[in-house]
ModelCIF file with pLDDT and N, C-alpha, C, O atoms, coordinates in Angstrom:
data_MODEL
#
_entry.id   MODEL 
#
_entity.id                         1 
_entity.type                       polymer 
_entity.pdbx_number_of_molecules   1 
#
_entity_poly.entity_id                      1 
_entity_poly.type                           'polypeptide(L)' 
_entity_poly.nstd_linkage                   no 
_entity_poly.nstd_monomer                   no 
_entity_poly.pdbx_seq_one_letter_code       
;(UNK)(UNK)(UNK)(UNK)(UNK)(UNK)(UNK)(UNK)(UNK)(UNK)(UNK)(UNK)(UNK)(UNK)(UNK)(UNK)
(UNK)(UNK)(UNK)(UNK)(UNK)(UNK)(UNK)(UNK)(UNK)(UNK)(UNK)(UNK)(UNK)(UNK)(UNK)(UNK)
(UNK)(UNK)(UNK)(UNK)(UNK)(UNK)(UNK)(UNK)(UNK)(UNK)(UNK)(UNK)
;
_entity_poly.pdbx_seq_one_letter_code_can   XXXXXXXXXXXXXXXXXXXXXXXXXXXXXXXXXXXXXXXXXXXX 
_entity_poly.pdbx_strand_id                 A 
#
loop_
_entity_poly_seq.entity_id 
_entity_poly_seq.num 
_entity_poly_seq.mon_id 
_entity_poly_seq.hetero 
1 1  UNK n 
1 2  UNK n 
1 3  UNK n 
1 4  UNK n 
1 5  UNK n 
1 6  UNK n 
1 7  UNK n 
1 8  UNK n 
1 9  UNK n 
1 10 UNK n 
1 11 UNK n 
1 12 UNK n 
1 13 UNK n 
1 14 UNK n 
1 15 UNK n 
1 16 UNK n 
1 17 UNK n 
1 18 UNK n 
1 19 UNK n 
1 20 UNK n 
1 21 UNK n 
1 22 UNK n 
1 23 UNK n 
1 24 UNK n 
1 25 UNK n 
1 26 UNK n 
1 27 UNK n 
1 28 UNK n 
1 29 UNK n 
1 30 UNK n 
1 31 UNK n 
1 32 UNK n 
1 33 UNK n 
1 34 UNK n 
1 35 UNK n 
1 36 UNK n 
1 37 UNK n 
1 38 UNK n 
1 39 UNK n 
1 40 UNK n 
1 41 UNK n 
1 42 UNK n 
1 43 UNK n 
1 44 UNK n 
#
_struct_asym.id          A 
_struct_asym.entity_id   1 
#
loop_
_ma_qa_metric.id 
_ma_qa_metric.mode 
_ma_qa_metric.name 
_ma_qa_metric.software_group_id 
_ma_qa_metric.type 
1 global pLDDT . pLDDT 
2 local  pLDDT . pLDDT 
#
_ma_qa_metric_global.metric_id      1 
_ma_qa_metric_global.metric_value   94.64 
_ma_qa_metric_global.model_id       1 
_ma_qa_metric_global.ordinal_id     1 
#
loop_
_ma_qa_metric_local.label_asym_id 
_ma_qa_metric_local.label_comp_id 
_ma_qa_metric_local.label_seq_id 
_ma_qa_metric_local.metric_id 
_ma_qa_metric_local.metric_value 
_ma_qa_metric_local.model_id 
_ma_qa_metric_local.ordinal_id 
A UNK 1  2 94.00 1 1  
A UNK 2  2 94.00 1 2  
A UNK 3  2 94.00 1 3  
A UNK 4  2 96.00 1 4  
A UNK 5  2 96.00 1 5  
A UNK 6  2 96.00 1 6  
A UNK 7  2 96.00 1 7  
A UNK 8  2 96.00 1 8  
A UNK 9  2 97.00 1 9  
A UNK 10 2 96.00 1 10 
A UNK 11 2 95.00 1 11 
A UNK 12 2 92.00 1 12 
A UNK 13 2 92.00 1 13 
A UNK 14 2 94.00 1 14 
A UNK 15 2 94.00 1 15 
A UNK 16 2 94.00 1 16 
A UNK 17 2 94.00 1 17 
A UNK 18 2 95.00 1 18 
A UNK 19 2 96.00 1 19 
A UNK 20 2 95.00 1 20 
A UNK 21 2 95.00 1 21 
A UNK 22 2 96.00 1 22 
A UNK 23 2 96.00 1 23 
A UNK 24 2 95.00 1 24 
A UNK 25 2 96.00 1 25 
A UNK 26 2 97.00 1 26 
A UNK 27 2 96.00 1 27 
A UNK 28 2 95.00 1 28 
A UNK 29 2 95.00 1 29 
A UNK 30 2 95.00 1 30 
A UNK 31 2 95.00 1 31 
A UNK 32 2 95.00 1 32 
A UNK 33 2 95.00 1 33 
A UNK 34 2 94.00 1 34 
A UNK 35 2 95.00 1 35 
A UNK 36 2 96.00 1 36 
A UNK 37 2 94.00 1 37 
A UNK 38 2 94.00 1 38 
A UNK 39 2 92.00 1 39 
A UNK 40 2 91.00 1 40 
A UNK 41 2 91.00 1 41 
A UNK 42 2 92.00 1 42 
A UNK 43 2 93.00 1 43 
A UNK 44 2 95.00 1 44 
#
loop_
_atom_site.group_PDB 
_atom_site.id 
_atom_site.type_symbol 
_atom_site.label_atom_id 
_atom_site.label_alt_id 
_atom_site.label_comp_id 
_atom_site.label_asym_id 
_atom_site.label_entity_id 
_atom_site.label_seq_id 
_atom_site.pdbx_PDB_ins_code 
_atom_site.Cartn_x 
_atom_site.Cartn_y 
_atom_site.Cartn_z 
_atom_site.occupancy 
_atom_site.B_iso_or_equiv 
_atom_site.pdbx_formal_charge 
_atom_site.auth_seq_id 
_atom_site.auth_comp_id 
_atom_site.auth_asym_id 
_atom_site.auth_atom_id 
_atom_site.pdbx_PDB_model_num 
ATOM 1   N N  . UNK A 1 1  ? 14.871 -14.574 -3.249 1.00 94.00 ? 1  UNK A N  1 
ATOM 2   C CA . UNK A 1 1  ? 15.105 -15.453 -3.000 1.00 94.00 ? 1  UNK A CA 1 
ATOM 3   C C  . UNK A 1 1  ? 13.902 -15.931 -3.430 1.00 94.00 ? 1  UNK A C  1 
ATOM 4   O O  . UNK A 1 1  ? 13.901 -16.792 -4.309 1.00 94.00 ? 1  UNK A O  1 
ATOM 5   N N  . UNK A 1 2  ? 12.692 -15.458 -2.888 1.00 94.00 ? 2  UNK A N  1 
ATOM 6   C CA . UNK A 1 2  ? 11.556 -16.315 -3.038 1.00 94.00 ? 2  UNK A CA 1 
ATOM 7   C C  . UNK A 1 2  ? 10.106 -15.406 -3.550 1.00 94.00 ? 2  UNK A C  1 
ATOM 8   O O  . UNK A 1 2  ? 8.938  -15.771 -3.689 1.00 94.00 ? 2  UNK A O  1 
ATOM 9   N N  . UNK A 1 3  ? 10.838 -13.961 -3.767 1.00 94.00 ? 3  UNK A N  1 
ATOM 10  C CA . UNK A 1 3  ? 8.984  -13.165 -4.052 1.00 94.00 ? 3  UNK A CA 1 
ATOM 11  C C  . UNK A 1 3  ? 8.452  -12.907 -2.954 1.00 94.00 ? 3  UNK A C  1 
ATOM 12  O O  . UNK A 1 3  ? 7.539  -12.081 -2.968 1.00 94.00 ? 3  UNK A O  1 
ATOM 13  N N  . UNK A 1 4  ? 8.887  -13.583 -1.543 1.00 96.00 ? 4  UNK A N  1 
ATOM 14  C CA . UNK A 1 4  ? 8.220  -13.267 -0.806 1.00 96.00 ? 4  UNK A CA 1 
ATOM 15  C C  . UNK A 1 4  ? 7.751  -11.861 -0.233 1.00 96.00 ? 4  UNK A C  1 
ATOM 16  O O  . UNK A 1 4  ? 8.701  -11.290 0.303  1.00 96.00 ? 4  UNK A O  1 
ATOM 17  N N  . UNK A 1 5  ? 6.652  -11.183 -0.190 1.00 96.00 ? 5  UNK A N  1 
ATOM 18  C CA . UNK A 1 5  ? 6.101  -9.796  0.567  1.00 96.00 ? 5  UNK A CA 1 
ATOM 19  C C  . UNK A 1 5  ? 6.578  -10.010 2.235  1.00 96.00 ? 5  UNK A C  1 
ATOM 20  O O  . UNK A 1 5  ? 5.900  -10.695 3.000  1.00 96.00 ? 5  UNK A O  1 
ATOM 21  N N  . UNK A 1 6  ? 7.530  -9.488  2.551  1.00 96.00 ? 6  UNK A N  1 
ATOM 22  C CA . UNK A 1 6  ? 7.466  -9.270  3.910  1.00 96.00 ? 6  UNK A CA 1 
ATOM 23  C C  . UNK A 1 6  ? 7.318  -7.962  4.855  1.00 96.00 ? 6  UNK A C  1 
ATOM 24  O O  . UNK A 1 6  ? 7.659  -7.900  6.036  1.00 96.00 ? 6  UNK A O  1 
ATOM 25  N N  . UNK A 1 7  ? 6.902  -7.223  4.301  1.00 96.00 ? 7  UNK A N  1 
ATOM 26  C CA . UNK A 1 7  ? 6.166  -6.231  4.730  1.00 96.00 ? 7  UNK A CA 1 
ATOM 27  C C  . UNK A 1 7  ? 5.405  -5.156  3.445  1.00 96.00 ? 7  UNK A C  1 
ATOM 28  O O  . UNK A 1 7  ? 5.832  -4.635  2.415  1.00 96.00 ? 7  UNK A O  1 
ATOM 29  N N  . UNK A 1 8  ? 4.330  -5.174  4.022  1.00 96.00 ? 8  UNK A N  1 
ATOM 30  C CA . UNK A 1 8  ? 2.977  -4.017  3.083  1.00 96.00 ? 8  UNK A CA 1 
ATOM 31  C C  . UNK A 1 8  ? 2.377  -3.629  3.324  1.00 96.00 ? 8  UNK A C  1 
ATOM 32  O O  . UNK A 1 8  ? 1.528  -4.454  3.659  1.00 96.00 ? 8  UNK A O  1 
ATOM 33  N N  . UNK A 1 9  ? 1.762  -1.899  3.574  1.00 97.00 ? 9  UNK A N  1 
ATOM 34  C CA . UNK A 1 9  ? 1.170  -1.337  4.172  1.00 97.00 ? 9  UNK A CA 1 
ATOM 35  C C  . UNK A 1 9  ? 0.674  0.054   3.218  1.00 97.00 ? 9  UNK A C  1 
ATOM 36  O O  . UNK A 1 9  ? 1.173  0.322   2.125  1.00 97.00 ? 9  UNK A O  1 
ATOM 37  N N  . UNK A 1 10 ? -0.089 0.619   3.689  1.00 96.00 ? 10 UNK A N  1 
ATOM 38  C CA . UNK A 1 10 ? -0.435 1.700   2.614  1.00 96.00 ? 10 UNK A CA 1 
ATOM 39  C C  . UNK A 1 10 ? -0.213 2.953   4.051  1.00 96.00 ? 10 UNK A C  1 
ATOM 40  O O  . UNK A 1 10 ? -0.374 3.007   5.270  1.00 96.00 ? 10 UNK A O  1 
ATOM 41  N N  . UNK A 1 11 ? 0.411  4.104   2.509  1.00 95.00 ? 11 UNK A N  1 
ATOM 42  C CA . UNK A 1 11 ? 0.841  5.248   3.496  1.00 95.00 ? 11 UNK A CA 1 
ATOM 43  C C  . UNK A 1 11 ? 0.544  6.504   3.038  1.00 95.00 ? 11 UNK A C  1 
ATOM 44  O O  . UNK A 1 11 ? 0.697  6.178   1.861  1.00 95.00 ? 11 UNK A O  1 
ATOM 45  N N  . UNK A 1 12 ? 0.276  7.559   2.971  1.00 92.00 ? 12 UNK A N  1 
ATOM 46  C CA . UNK A 1 12 ? -0.453 9.245   2.806  1.00 92.00 ? 12 UNK A CA 1 
ATOM 47  C C  . UNK A 1 12 ? 1.043  9.091   1.793  1.00 92.00 ? 12 UNK A C  1 
ATOM 48  O O  . UNK A 1 12 ? 0.726  8.828   0.632  1.00 92.00 ? 12 UNK A O  1 
ATOM 49  N N  . UNK A 1 13 ? 2.716  9.209   2.015  1.00 92.00 ? 13 UNK A N  1 
ATOM 50  C CA . UNK A 1 13 ? 3.326  9.620   1.407  1.00 92.00 ? 13 UNK A CA 1 
ATOM 51  C C  . UNK A 1 13 ? 4.402  8.633   1.538  1.00 92.00 ? 13 UNK A C  1 
ATOM 52  O O  . UNK A 1 13 ? 4.517  8.128   2.655  1.00 92.00 ? 13 UNK A O  1 
ATOM 53  N N  . UNK A 1 14 ? 5.410  8.166   0.400  1.00 94.00 ? 14 UNK A N  1 
ATOM 54  C CA . UNK A 1 14 ? 6.354  7.670   0.933  1.00 94.00 ? 14 UNK A CA 1 
ATOM 55  C C  . UNK A 1 14 ? 7.984  8.405   1.626  1.00 94.00 ? 14 UNK A C  1 
ATOM 56  O O  . UNK A 1 14 ? 8.340  9.578   1.514  1.00 94.00 ? 14 UNK A O  1 
ATOM 57  N N  . UNK A 1 15 ? 8.495  7.633   2.104  1.00 94.00 ? 15 UNK A N  1 
ATOM 58  C CA . UNK A 1 15 ? 9.213  8.612   3.007  1.00 94.00 ? 15 UNK A CA 1 
ATOM 59  C C  . UNK A 1 15 ? 10.149 7.946   4.317  1.00 94.00 ? 15 UNK A C  1 
ATOM 60  O O  . UNK A 1 15 ? 9.867  6.888   4.880  1.00 94.00 ? 15 UNK A O  1 
ATOM 61  N N  . UNK A 1 16 ? 11.168 8.713   4.609  1.00 94.00 ? 16 UNK A N  1 
ATOM 62  C CA . UNK A 1 16 ? 11.903 7.758   5.982  1.00 94.00 ? 16 UNK A CA 1 
ATOM 63  C C  . UNK A 1 16 ? 11.224 7.528   6.528  1.00 94.00 ? 16 UNK A C  1 
ATOM 64  O O  . UNK A 1 16 ? 10.725 6.627   5.854  1.00 94.00 ? 16 UNK A O  1 
ATOM 65  N N  . UNK A 1 17 ? 10.313 7.634   7.868  1.00 94.00 ? 17 UNK A N  1 
ATOM 66  C CA . UNK A 1 17 ? 9.112  6.844   8.454  1.00 94.00 ? 17 UNK A CA 1 
ATOM 67  C C  . UNK A 1 17 ? 8.873  5.871   7.547  1.00 94.00 ? 17 UNK A C  1 
ATOM 68  O O  . UNK A 1 17 ? 9.490  4.875   7.922  1.00 94.00 ? 17 UNK A O  1 
ATOM 69  N N  . UNK A 1 18 ? 8.283  5.654   6.536  1.00 95.00 ? 18 UNK A N  1 
ATOM 70  C CA . UNK A 1 18 ? 7.364  3.979   6.137  1.00 95.00 ? 18 UNK A CA 1 
ATOM 71  C C  . UNK A 1 18 ? 8.671  3.715   5.289  1.00 95.00 ? 18 UNK A C  1 
ATOM 72  O O  . UNK A 1 18 ? 8.399  3.282   4.169  1.00 95.00 ? 18 UNK A O  1 
ATOM 73  N N  . UNK A 1 19 ? 10.089 3.874   5.552  1.00 96.00 ? 19 UNK A N  1 
ATOM 74  C CA . UNK A 1 19 ? 11.304 3.285   4.877  1.00 96.00 ? 19 UNK A CA 1 
ATOM 75  C C  . UNK A 1 19 ? 11.243 2.363   6.499  1.00 96.00 ? 19 UNK A C  1 
ATOM 76  O O  . UNK A 1 19 ? 10.820 1.221   6.677  1.00 96.00 ? 19 UNK A O  1 
ATOM 77  N N  . UNK A 1 20 ? 11.710 3.140   7.326  1.00 95.00 ? 20 UNK A N  1 
ATOM 78  C CA . UNK A 1 20 ? 11.851 2.493   8.895  1.00 95.00 ? 20 UNK A CA 1 
ATOM 79  C C  . UNK A 1 20 ? 11.250 1.715   9.226  1.00 95.00 ? 20 UNK A C  1 
ATOM 80  O O  . UNK A 1 20 ? 11.673 0.678   9.735  1.00 95.00 ? 20 UNK A O  1 
ATOM 81  N N  . UNK A 1 21 ? 9.827  2.061   8.985  1.00 95.00 ? 21 UNK A N  1 
ATOM 82  C CA . UNK A 1 21 ? 8.355  0.468   9.235  1.00 95.00 ? 21 UNK A CA 1 
ATOM 83  C C  . UNK A 1 21 ? 8.779  0.113   8.357  1.00 95.00 ? 21 UNK A C  1 
ATOM 84  O O  . UNK A 1 21 ? 9.980  0.088   8.628  1.00 95.00 ? 21 UNK A O  1 
ATOM 85  N N  . UNK A 1 22 ? 8.647  -0.270  7.242  1.00 96.00 ? 22 UNK A N  1 
ATOM 86  C CA . UNK A 1 22 ? 8.656  -1.473  6.464  1.00 96.00 ? 22 UNK A CA 1 
ATOM 87  C C  . UNK A 1 22 ? 10.156 -2.268  6.641  1.00 96.00 ? 22 UNK A C  1 
ATOM 88  O O  . UNK A 1 22 ? 10.315 -3.338  6.053  1.00 96.00 ? 22 UNK A O  1 
ATOM 89  N N  . UNK A 1 23 ? 11.147 -1.748  7.402  1.00 96.00 ? 23 UNK A N  1 
ATOM 90  C CA . UNK A 1 23 ? 13.183 -1.967  7.730  1.00 96.00 ? 23 UNK A CA 1 
ATOM 91  C C  . UNK A 1 23 ? 12.280 -3.413  9.234  1.00 96.00 ? 23 UNK A C  1 
ATOM 92  O O  . UNK A 1 23 ? 12.342 -4.643  9.238  1.00 96.00 ? 23 UNK A O  1 
ATOM 93  N N  . UNK A 1 24 ? 11.714 -2.630  10.041 1.00 95.00 ? 24 UNK A N  1 
ATOM 94  C CA . UNK A 1 24 ? 11.102 -2.601  11.780 1.00 95.00 ? 24 UNK A CA 1 
ATOM 95  C C  . UNK A 1 24 ? 10.061 -3.788  11.522 1.00 95.00 ? 24 UNK A C  1 
ATOM 96  O O  . UNK A 1 24 ? 10.005 -4.504  12.522 1.00 95.00 ? 24 UNK A O  1 
ATOM 97  N N  . UNK A 1 25 ? 9.213  -4.222  10.483 1.00 96.00 ? 25 UNK A N  1 
ATOM 98  C CA . UNK A 1 25 ? 7.842  -5.106  10.567 1.00 96.00 ? 25 UNK A CA 1 
ATOM 99  C C  . UNK A 1 25 ? 9.080  -6.359  9.359  1.00 96.00 ? 25 UNK A C  1 
ATOM 100 O O  . UNK A 1 25 ? 8.973  -7.552  9.075  1.00 96.00 ? 25 UNK A O  1 
ATOM 101 N N  . UNK A 1 26 ? 9.828  -5.598  9.083  1.00 97.00 ? 26 UNK A N  1 
ATOM 102 C CA . UNK A 1 26 ? 10.573 -7.406  7.945  1.00 97.00 ? 26 UNK A CA 1 
ATOM 103 C C  . UNK A 1 26 ? 11.224 -8.042  9.264  1.00 97.00 ? 26 UNK A C  1 
ATOM 104 O O  . UNK A 1 26 ? 11.032 -9.215  9.587  1.00 97.00 ? 26 UNK A O  1 
ATOM 105 N N  . UNK A 1 27 ? 12.171 -6.964  10.133 1.00 96.00 ? 27 UNK A N  1 
ATOM 106 C CA . UNK A 1 27 ? 13.642 -7.898  11.102 1.00 96.00 ? 27 UNK A CA 1 
ATOM 107 C C  . UNK A 1 27 ? 12.181 -8.374  11.969 1.00 96.00 ? 27 UNK A C  1 
ATOM 108 O O  . UNK A 1 27 ? 12.086 -9.601  11.984 1.00 96.00 ? 27 UNK A O  1 
ATOM 109 N N  . UNK A 1 28 ? 11.193 -7.766  12.587 1.00 95.00 ? 28 UNK A N  1 
ATOM 110 C CA . UNK A 1 28 ? 10.607 -7.919  13.984 1.00 95.00 ? 28 UNK A CA 1 
ATOM 111 C C  . UNK A 1 28 ? 10.078 -9.824  13.307 1.00 95.00 ? 28 UNK A C  1 
ATOM 112 O O  . UNK A 1 28 ? 9.866  -10.786 14.045 1.00 95.00 ? 28 UNK A O  1 
ATOM 113 N N  . UNK A 1 29 ? 10.003 -9.822  11.843 1.00 95.00 ? 29 UNK A N  1 
ATOM 114 C CA . UNK A 1 29 ? 8.898  -10.954 11.819 1.00 95.00 ? 29 UNK A CA 1 
ATOM 115 C C  . UNK A 1 29 ? 9.871  -12.665 11.197 1.00 95.00 ? 29 UNK A C  1 
ATOM 116 O O  . UNK A 1 29 ? 9.627  -13.870 11.142 1.00 95.00 ? 29 UNK A O  1 
ATOM 117 N N  . UNK A 1 30 ? 11.120 -11.628 10.815 1.00 95.00 ? 30 UNK A N  1 
ATOM 118 C CA . UNK A 1 30 ? 12.018 -12.618 10.055 1.00 95.00 ? 30 UNK A CA 1 
ATOM 119 C C  . UNK A 1 30 ? 13.601 -12.412 10.445 1.00 95.00 ? 30 UNK A C  1 
ATOM 120 O O  . UNK A 1 30 ? 14.436 -13.305 10.300 1.00 95.00 ? 30 UNK A O  1 
ATOM 121 N N  . UNK A 1 31 ? 13.856 -11.253 10.902 1.00 95.00 ? 31 UNK A N  1 
ATOM 122 C CA . UNK A 1 31 ? 15.098 -11.396 11.492 1.00 95.00 ? 31 UNK A CA 1 
ATOM 123 C C  . UNK A 1 31 ? 15.996 -10.627 10.930 1.00 95.00 ? 31 UNK A C  1 
ATOM 124 O O  . UNK A 1 31 ? 15.564 -10.222 9.850  1.00 95.00 ? 31 UNK A O  1 
ATOM 125 N N  . UNK A 1 32 ? 17.365 -10.122 11.234 1.00 95.00 ? 32 UNK A N  1 
ATOM 126 C CA . UNK A 1 32 ? 18.163 -9.546  9.954  1.00 95.00 ? 32 UNK A CA 1 
ATOM 127 C C  . UNK A 1 32 ? 18.735 -9.917  9.274  1.00 95.00 ? 32 UNK A C  1 
ATOM 128 O O  . UNK A 1 32 ? 19.357 -10.922 9.619  1.00 95.00 ? 32 UNK A O  1 
ATOM 129 N N  . UNK A 1 33 ? 18.970 -9.351  7.698  1.00 95.00 ? 33 UNK A N  1 
ATOM 130 C CA . UNK A 1 33 ? 19.113 -9.910  6.426  1.00 95.00 ? 33 UNK A CA 1 
ATOM 131 C C  . UNK A 1 33 ? 20.272 -9.138  5.923  1.00 95.00 ? 33 UNK A C  1 
ATOM 132 O O  . UNK A 1 33 ? 20.564 -8.080  6.480  1.00 95.00 ? 33 UNK A O  1 
ATOM 133 N N  . UNK A 1 34 ? 21.175 -9.717  4.597  1.00 94.00 ? 34 UNK A N  1 
ATOM 134 C CA . UNK A 1 34 ? 22.065 -9.545  4.134  1.00 94.00 ? 34 UNK A CA 1 
ATOM 135 C C  . UNK A 1 34 ? 22.203 -7.955  3.847  1.00 94.00 ? 34 UNK A C  1 
ATOM 136 O O  . UNK A 1 34 ? 22.836 -7.095  4.460  1.00 94.00 ? 34 UNK A O  1 
ATOM 137 N N  . UNK A 1 35 ? 21.358 -7.873  2.658  1.00 95.00 ? 35 UNK A N  1 
ATOM 138 C CA . UNK A 1 35 ? 21.977 -6.662  2.040  1.00 95.00 ? 35 UNK A CA 1 
ATOM 139 C C  . UNK A 1 35 ? 20.324 -6.089  1.839  1.00 95.00 ? 35 UNK A C  1 
ATOM 140 O O  . UNK A 1 35 ? 19.344 -6.769  2.143  1.00 95.00 ? 35 UNK A O  1 
ATOM 141 N N  . UNK A 1 36 ? 20.263 -4.711  1.268  1.00 96.00 ? 36 UNK A N  1 
ATOM 142 C CA . UNK A 1 36 ? 19.204 -4.092  1.145  1.00 96.00 ? 36 UNK A CA 1 
ATOM 143 C C  . UNK A 1 36 ? 19.092 -3.558  -0.354 1.00 96.00 ? 36 UNK A C  1 
ATOM 144 O O  . UNK A 1 36 ? 20.178 -3.038  -0.608 1.00 96.00 ? 36 UNK A O  1 
ATOM 145 N N  . UNK A 1 37 ? 18.348 -3.476  -1.318 1.00 94.00 ? 37 UNK A N  1 
ATOM 146 C CA . UNK A 1 37 ? 18.520 -3.056  -2.631 1.00 94.00 ? 37 UNK A CA 1 
ATOM 147 C C  . UNK A 1 37 ? 17.086 -2.097  -2.788 1.00 94.00 ? 37 UNK A C  1 
ATOM 148 O O  . UNK A 1 37 ? 15.972 -2.562  -2.545 1.00 94.00 ? 37 UNK A O  1 
ATOM 149 N N  . UNK A 1 38 ? 17.312 -0.727  -3.221 1.00 94.00 ? 38 UNK A N  1 
ATOM 150 C CA . UNK A 1 38 ? 16.571 0.272   -3.003 1.00 94.00 ? 38 UNK A CA 1 
ATOM 151 C C  . UNK A 1 38 ? 17.184 1.232   -4.385 1.00 94.00 ? 38 UNK A C  1 
ATOM 152 O O  . UNK A 1 38 ? 18.344 1.262   -4.797 1.00 94.00 ? 38 UNK A O  1 
ATOM 153 N N  . UNK A 1 39 ? 16.035 1.945   -4.892 1.00 92.00 ? 39 UNK A N  1 
ATOM 154 C CA . UNK A 1 39 ? 16.194 3.309   -5.249 1.00 92.00 ? 39 UNK A CA 1 
ATOM 155 C C  . UNK A 1 39 ? 16.549 4.425   -4.817 1.00 92.00 ? 39 UNK A C  1 
ATOM 156 O O  . UNK A 1 39 ? 16.362 4.715   -3.635 1.00 92.00 ? 39 UNK A O  1 
ATOM 157 N N  . UNK A 1 40 ? 17.189 5.358   -5.767 1.00 91.00 ? 40 UNK A N  1 
ATOM 158 C CA . UNK A 1 40 ? 18.379 6.350   -4.708 1.00 91.00 ? 40 UNK A CA 1 
ATOM 159 C C  . UNK A 1 40 ? 17.085 7.684   -4.456 1.00 91.00 ? 40 UNK A C  1 
ATOM 160 O O  . UNK A 1 40 ? 17.570 8.815   -4.484 1.00 91.00 ? 40 UNK A O  1 
ATOM 161 N N  . UNK A 1 41 ? 15.860 7.632   -4.271 1.00 91.00 ? 41 UNK A N  1 
ATOM 162 C CA . UNK A 1 41 ? 15.634 8.562   -3.344 1.00 91.00 ? 41 UNK A CA 1 
ATOM 163 C C  . UNK A 1 41 ? 15.757 8.904   -2.334 1.00 91.00 ? 41 UNK A C  1 
ATOM 164 O O  . UNK A 1 41 ? 15.892 8.115   -1.399 1.00 91.00 ? 41 UNK A O  1 
ATOM 165 N N  . UNK A 1 42 ? 15.748 10.493  -2.161 1.00 92.00 ? 42 UNK A N  1 
ATOM 166 C CA . UNK A 1 42 ? 16.420 11.356  -0.579 1.00 92.00 ? 42 UNK A CA 1 
ATOM 167 C C  . UNK A 1 42 ? 16.177 10.874  0.468  1.00 92.00 ? 42 UNK A C  1 
ATOM 168 O O  . UNK A 1 42 ? 16.671 11.432  1.448  1.00 92.00 ? 42 UNK A O  1 
ATOM 169 N N  . UNK A 1 43 ? 15.237 9.527   0.704  1.00 93.00 ? 43 UNK A N  1 
ATOM 170 C CA . UNK A 1 43 ? 15.361 9.541   1.836  1.00 93.00 ? 43 UNK A CA 1 
ATOM 171 C C  . UNK A 1 43 ? 16.260 7.723   1.693  1.00 93.00 ? 43 UNK A C  1 
ATOM 172 O O  . UNK A 1 43 ? 16.483 7.023   2.681  1.00 93.00 ? 43 UNK A O  1 
ATOM 173 N N  . UNK A 1 44 ? 16.512 7.447   0.691  1.00 95.00 ? 44 UNK A N  1 
ATOM 174 C CA . UNK A 1 44 ? 17.538 6.191   0.744  1.00 95.00 ? 44 UNK A CA 1 
ATOM 175 C C  . UNK A 1 44 ? 19.285 7.003   1.141  1.00 95.00 ? 44 UNK A C  1 
ATOM 176 O O  . UNK A 1 44 ? 20.286 6.294   1.246  1.00 95.00 ? 44 UNK A O  1 
#
């Protein structure tokens, strides 16, 4: 809706743990949200 970044960080390699970390930082700052749109990577 706003184009605001809710979580951003550098990591060695994208994967399950990085996705969970982004979710945790977003929910801790803002709360639960309705829908989550991602590519079809194997960790998703």
